[in-house]
Amino acid sequence: MAALGEEFRSAREARGLTLSDVAEQIHIRSVYLNAIENEDWKAIGAPVYVRGFIRTYARFLGLDGEDAVGRFNAAAPPERPAHAASAIDFTDDRDRSGPSWLAILGGLVALVLVAFVVYEYWQYAKGGTARKPVAAASAAPQPAAASPGSQSPVPSASPSGSPASAVRHRLAIRLAQRSWVRVTVDGATKIEGIFPAGTARTFTGNAADVRAGNAAGVVVTVNGRSSGPMGKEGDVVEQHYSLSAP
């Protein structure tokens, strides 16, 4: 059986296509397609991206995508569990670091609050009684009585804008897994690259295009409404969103 990369190259050349031709049609950079044909998996990155690119490239060439992914899985080295690495890194950082600046800031805020309470109590004890609050009615001007035949005053309109309109024209992404993401808003690319799990970004505009290399790890929220993950793990998915719709 031919090597996996050689099988992809032969199928592409049989169709008279260059790497640039394929890259333009399936929106995967030619450097990654070349890495697949040379089985240079490290050039692509994490195995989850390799599987997604292999599946998309195979479907385009008319090959069995799942079989190609299975052959990659059989030859690829085992992945290091992400939770184990995170636990080790957390322990090392905790052992090396000193007191958290957040803890120091919280202590300072607590001291300020205690000092404020003591000062207020001292002012109360010194004056004998608490200061009387100024009646709001006395400060506010009284409306003039309507003269005979005059129209009743029209109440002022409430401020424009509502909670619903506050979230218009807004798109937010959150990464549940490490993924390659590109976000284009009104024709301008805002972010592009591989981002870790936990990354969150918010954008405003009229229309947005989101492309994900690992669709299961990217959650999109449009105008406050979440549609869940963009797709399955390892899939390359691109979606267009209208941000001006109510």
Protein backbone atom coordinates (compact mmCIF):
# COMPACT_ATOMS: atom_id res chain seq x y z
CA MET A 1 0.00 0.00 0.00
CA ALA A 2 1.34 3.44 -0.96
CA ALA A 3 2.32 5.83 1.81
CA LEU A 4 -0.41 8.20 2.90
CA GLY A 5 1.33 11.35 1.67
CA GLU A 6 2.26 9.76 -1.67
CA GLU A 7 -1.37 8.73 -2.18
CA PHE A 8 -2.51 12.33 -1.76
CA ARG A 9 0.18 13.62 -4.14
CA SER A 10 -0.66 11.05 -6.81
CA ALA A 11 -4.39 11.84 -6.60
CA ARG A 12 -3.73 15.57 -6.92
CA GLU A 13 -1.33 15.23 -9.86
CA ALA A 14 -3.75 12.85 -11.60
CA ARG A 15 -6.24 15.72 -11.65
CA GLY A 16 -3.64 18.15 -13.00
CA LEU A 17 -3.81 20.39 -9.95
CA THR A 18 -1.07 22.30 -8.17
CA LEU A 19 -0.93 22.84 -4.44
CA SER A 20 -1.98 26.45 -5.02
CA ASP A 21 -5.01 25.31 -7.01
CA VAL A 22 -6.15 23.07 -4.16
CA ALA A 23 -5.42 25.68 -1.48
CA GLU A 24 -7.60 28.23 -3.28
CA GLN A 25 -10.55 25.83 -3.47
CA ILE A 26 -10.53 24.26 0.02
CA HIS A 27 -9.04 27.26 1.87
CA ILE A 28 -6.15 25.34 3.45
CA ARG A 29 -2.73 26.94 3.01
CA SER A 30 -0.49 25.21 0.49
CA VAL A 31 2.27 24.87 3.10
CA TYR A 32 -0.05 22.55 5.10
CA LEU A 33 -1.05 20.59 1.98
CA ASN A 34 2.63 20.11 1.18
CA ALA A 35 3.22 18.94 4.76
CA ILE A 36 0.48 16.31 4.34
CA GLU A 37 2.01 15.00 1.10
CA ASN A 38 5.43 14.80 2.81
CA GLU A 39 3.91 13.47 6.07
CA ASP A 40 5.59 16.32 7.94
CA TRP A 41 2.99 16.39 10.71
CA LYS A 42 5.00 18.64 13.00
CA ALA A 43 4.74 21.44 10.44
CA ILE A 44 0.95 21.43 10.89
CA GLY A 45 0.80 21.25 14.67
CA ALA A 46 -1.44 19.30 17.02
CA PRO A 47 -2.92 16.01 15.72
CA VAL A 48 -6.44 17.43 15.92
CA TYR A 49 -5.57 19.93 13.15
CA VAL A 50 -3.79 17.27 11.11
CA ARG A 51 -6.92 15.08 11.18
CA GLY A 52 -9.14 17.96 10.09
CA PHE A 53 -6.86 18.92 7.18
CA ILE A 54 -6.45 15.29 6.09
CA ARG A 55 -10.21 14.72 6.12
CA THR A 56 -10.93 17.90 4.10
CA TYR A 57 -8.10 17.27 1.58
CA ALA A 58 -9.13 13.63 1.10
CA ARG A 59 -12.77 14.50 0.42
CA PHE A 60 -11.71 17.07 -2.17
CA LEU A 61 -9.55 14.49 -3.99
CA GLY A 62 -12.29 11.84 -3.85
CA LEU A 63 -10.40 9.68 -1.33
CA ASP A 64 -11.81 7.99 1.77
CA GLY A 65 -11.33 10.66 4.45
CA GLU A 66 -12.02 8.41 7.43
CA ASP A 67 -9.64 5.75 6.14
CA ALA A 68 -6.93 8.39 5.68
CA VAL A 69 -7.47 9.68 9.22
CA GLY A 70 -7.34 6.12 10.56
CA ARG A 71 -4.01 5.50 8.82
CA PHE A 72 -2.64 8.74 10.29
CA ASN A 73 -3.82 7.72 13.78
CA ALA A 74 -2.09 4.35 13.44
CA ALA A 75 1.23 5.98 12.50
CA ALA A 76 1.10 9.10 14.68
CA PRO A 77 2.81 9.12 18.11
CA PRO A 78 0.46 9.05 21.13
CA GLU A 79 -0.72 12.44 22.34
CA ARG A 80 0.25 13.72 25.76
CA PRO A 81 -2.87 14.13 27.95
CA ALA A 82 -3.68 17.82 28.16
CA HIS A 83 -4.94 17.65 31.76
CA ALA A 84 -1.69 16.11 33.02
CA ALA A 85 0.39 18.86 31.43
CA SER A 86 -1.88 21.54 32.87
CA ALA A 87 -1.62 20.06 36.37
CA ILE A 88 2.19 19.96 36.18
CA ASP A 89 2.44 23.53 34.89
CA PHE A 90 0.03 24.76 37.57
CA THR A 91 2.03 23.11 40.35
CA ASP A 92 5.32 24.52 39.10
CA ASP A 93 3.96 28.05 38.79
CA ARG A 94 2.36 27.86 42.23
CA ASP A 95 5.59 26.69 43.85
CA ARG A 96 7.69 29.39 42.20
CA SER A 97 5.35 32.33 42.65
CA GLY A 98 4.98 34.48 45.75
CA PRO A 99 1.78 36.02 47.13
CA SER A 100 -0.78 36.74 44.43
CA TRP A 101 -1.16 40.42 43.52
CA LEU A 102 -4.93 39.84 43.58
CA ALA A 103 -4.69 38.77 47.22
CA ILE A 104 -2.64 41.88 48.04
CA LEU A 105 -5.13 44.13 46.25
CA GLY A 106 -8.04 42.47 48.06
CA GLY A 107 -6.34 43.09 51.41
CA LEU A 108 -5.85 46.78 50.61
CA VAL A 109 -9.51 47.16 49.61
CA ALA A 110 -10.59 45.49 52.87
CA LEU A 111 -8.43 47.90 54.90
CA VAL A 112 -9.95 50.90 53.11
CA LEU A 113 -13.48 49.65 53.81
CA VAL A 114 -12.71 49.09 57.51
CA ALA A 115 -11.23 52.60 57.79
CA PHE A 116 -14.31 54.09 56.13
CA VAL A 117 -16.68 52.29 58.52
CA VAL A 118 -14.65 53.44 61.56
CA TYR A 119 -14.63 57.05 60.30
CA GLU A 120 -18.40 57.07 59.74
CA TYR A 121 -19.03 55.65 63.20
CA TRP A 122 -16.76 58.28 64.73
CA GLN A 123 -18.62 61.05 62.90
CA TYR A 124 -21.94 59.63 64.11
CA ALA A 125 -20.75 59.43 67.74
CA LYS A 126 -19.29 62.94 67.60
CA GLY A 127 -22.44 64.58 66.24
CA GLY A 128 -24.77 62.69 68.60
CA THR A 129 -27.25 61.94 65.83
CA ALA A 130 -27.02 60.86 62.28
CA ARG A 131 -27.15 63.53 59.65
CA LYS A 132 -30.66 64.01 58.35
CA PRO A 133 -31.07 63.15 54.71
CA VAL A 134 -32.18 65.96 52.46
CA ALA A 135 -35.67 65.31 51.16
CA ALA A 136 -35.60 64.71 47.47
CA ALA A 137 -38.96 66.44 47.05
CA SER A 138 -37.63 69.75 48.45
CA ALA A 139 -34.68 69.78 46.05
CA ALA A 140 -36.70 69.04 42.96
CA PRO A 141 -38.63 71.91 41.34
CA GLN A 142 -42.42 71.59 41.62
CA PRO A 143 -44.36 71.47 38.37
CA ALA A 144 -46.38 74.60 37.66
CA ALA A 145 -50.16 74.26 37.84
CA ALA A 146 -51.80 74.06 34.49
CA SER A 147 -53.78 77.10 33.52
CA PRO A 148 -57.39 76.69 32.32
CA GLY A 149 -57.48 75.53 28.72
CA SER A 150 -53.82 74.59 28.63
CA GLN A 151 -52.74 71.10 27.67
CA SER A 152 -51.40 68.68 30.23
CA PRO A 153 -47.63 68.46 30.18
CA VAL A 154 -46.38 65.60 28.03
CA PRO A 155 -44.03 63.28 29.92
CA SER A 156 -40.53 63.19 28.51
CA ALA A 157 -39.65 60.23 26.34
CA SER A 158 -37.69 57.45 27.95
CA PRO A 159 -34.02 57.21 26.95
CA SER A 160 -33.51 55.55 23.63
CA GLY A 161 -31.88 52.20 23.60
CA SER A 162 -32.80 48.97 25.31
CA PRO A 163 -31.06 45.82 26.53
CA ALA A 164 -31.95 44.21 23.23
CA SER A 165 -30.39 46.99 21.13
CA ALA A 166 -27.28 47.03 23.34
CA VAL A 167 -26.15 43.69 21.96
CA ARG A 168 -26.83 44.48 18.30
CA HIS A 169 -23.91 44.32 15.87
CA ARG A 170 -21.88 42.14 18.24
CA LEU A 171 -20.16 38.78 17.67
CA ALA A 172 -18.30 36.89 20.37
CA ILE A 173 -16.19 33.74 20.08
CA ARG A 174 -15.04 31.45 22.86
CA LEU A 175 -12.61 28.54 22.47
CA ALA A 176 -13.52 25.40 24.37
CA GLN A 177 -10.53 23.64 22.74
CA ARG A 178 -7.29 24.78 21.13
CA SER A 179 -8.08 25.78 17.56
CA TRP A 180 -6.99 27.73 14.50
CA VAL A 181 -9.42 30.64 14.01
CA ARG A 182 -9.82 33.50 11.54
CA VAL A 183 -12.44 36.24 12.09
CA THR A 184 -13.22 38.81 9.38
CA VAL A 185 -15.59 41.69 10.21
CA ASP A 186 -16.94 43.92 7.43
CA GLY A 187 -14.16 42.67 5.13
CA ALA A 188 -11.28 43.30 7.56
CA THR A 189 -9.43 40.38 9.21
CA LYS A 190 -9.46 40.92 12.97
CA ILE A 191 -7.65 37.79 14.22
CA GLU A 192 -6.01 34.78 12.57
CA GLY A 193 -3.93 32.03 14.11
CA ILE A 194 -3.91 29.17 16.61
CA PHE A 195 -5.33 30.10 20.02
CA PRO A 196 -5.53 28.09 23.29
CA ALA A 197 -8.67 26.89 25.03
CA GLY A 198 -10.27 29.62 27.11
CA THR A 199 -9.59 32.38 24.55
CA ALA A 200 -12.52 34.80 24.22
CA ARG A 201 -12.90 37.73 21.80
CA THR A 202 -15.74 40.17 21.00
CA PHE A 203 -16.19 42.09 17.73
CA THR A 204 -18.67 44.69 16.47
CA GLY A 205 -19.83 45.43 12.94
CA ASN A 206 -22.52 44.58 10.41
CA ALA A 207 -21.33 41.19 9.09
CA ALA A 208 -18.67 38.65 10.06
CA ASP A 209 -17.07 35.52 8.63
CA VAL A 210 -15.61 32.96 11.06
CA ARG A 211 -13.38 30.08 9.91
CA ALA A 212 -12.32 27.39 12.39
CA GLY A 213 -9.73 24.61 11.96
CA ASN A 214 -11.22 22.60 14.82
CA ALA A 215 -14.94 23.42 14.63
CA ALA A 216 -15.88 21.57 17.84
CA GLY A 217 -13.68 23.89 19.88
CA VAL A 218 -15.17 27.21 18.68
CA VAL A 219 -18.44 28.55 20.14
CA VAL A 220 -19.97 31.62 18.43
CA THR A 221 -22.47 34.03 20.03
CA VAL A 222 -24.26 36.55 17.78
CA ASN A 223 -26.12 39.48 19.36
CA GLY A 224 -26.27 37.64 22.68
CA ARG A 225 -27.51 34.35 21.21
CA SER A 226 -25.19 31.34 21.23
CA SER A 227 -25.46 28.74 18.46
CA GLY A 228 -23.11 26.25 20.16
CA PRO A 229 -19.97 24.69 18.60
CA MET A 230 -19.46 25.41 14.90
CA GLY A 231 -19.08 21.71 14.00
CA LYS A 232 -17.39 18.42 14.81
CA GLU A 233 -13.91 17.87 16.21
CA GLY A 234 -11.22 18.28 13.57
CA ASP A 235 -13.60 19.69 10.93
CA VAL A 236 -12.69 22.85 9.04
CA VAL A 237 -15.82 25.05 8.98
CA GLU A 238 -16.50 28.57 7.75
CA GLN A 239 -19.71 30.48 8.60
CA HIS A 240 -21.11 33.89 7.65
CA TYR A 241 -23.04 35.87 10.28
CA SER A 242 -25.23 38.97 9.85
CA LEU A 243 -24.81 41.16 12.91
CA SER A 244 -27.38 43.82 11.96
CA ALA A 245 -30.39 41.49 12.21
CA PRO A 246 -32.62 42.04 15.29
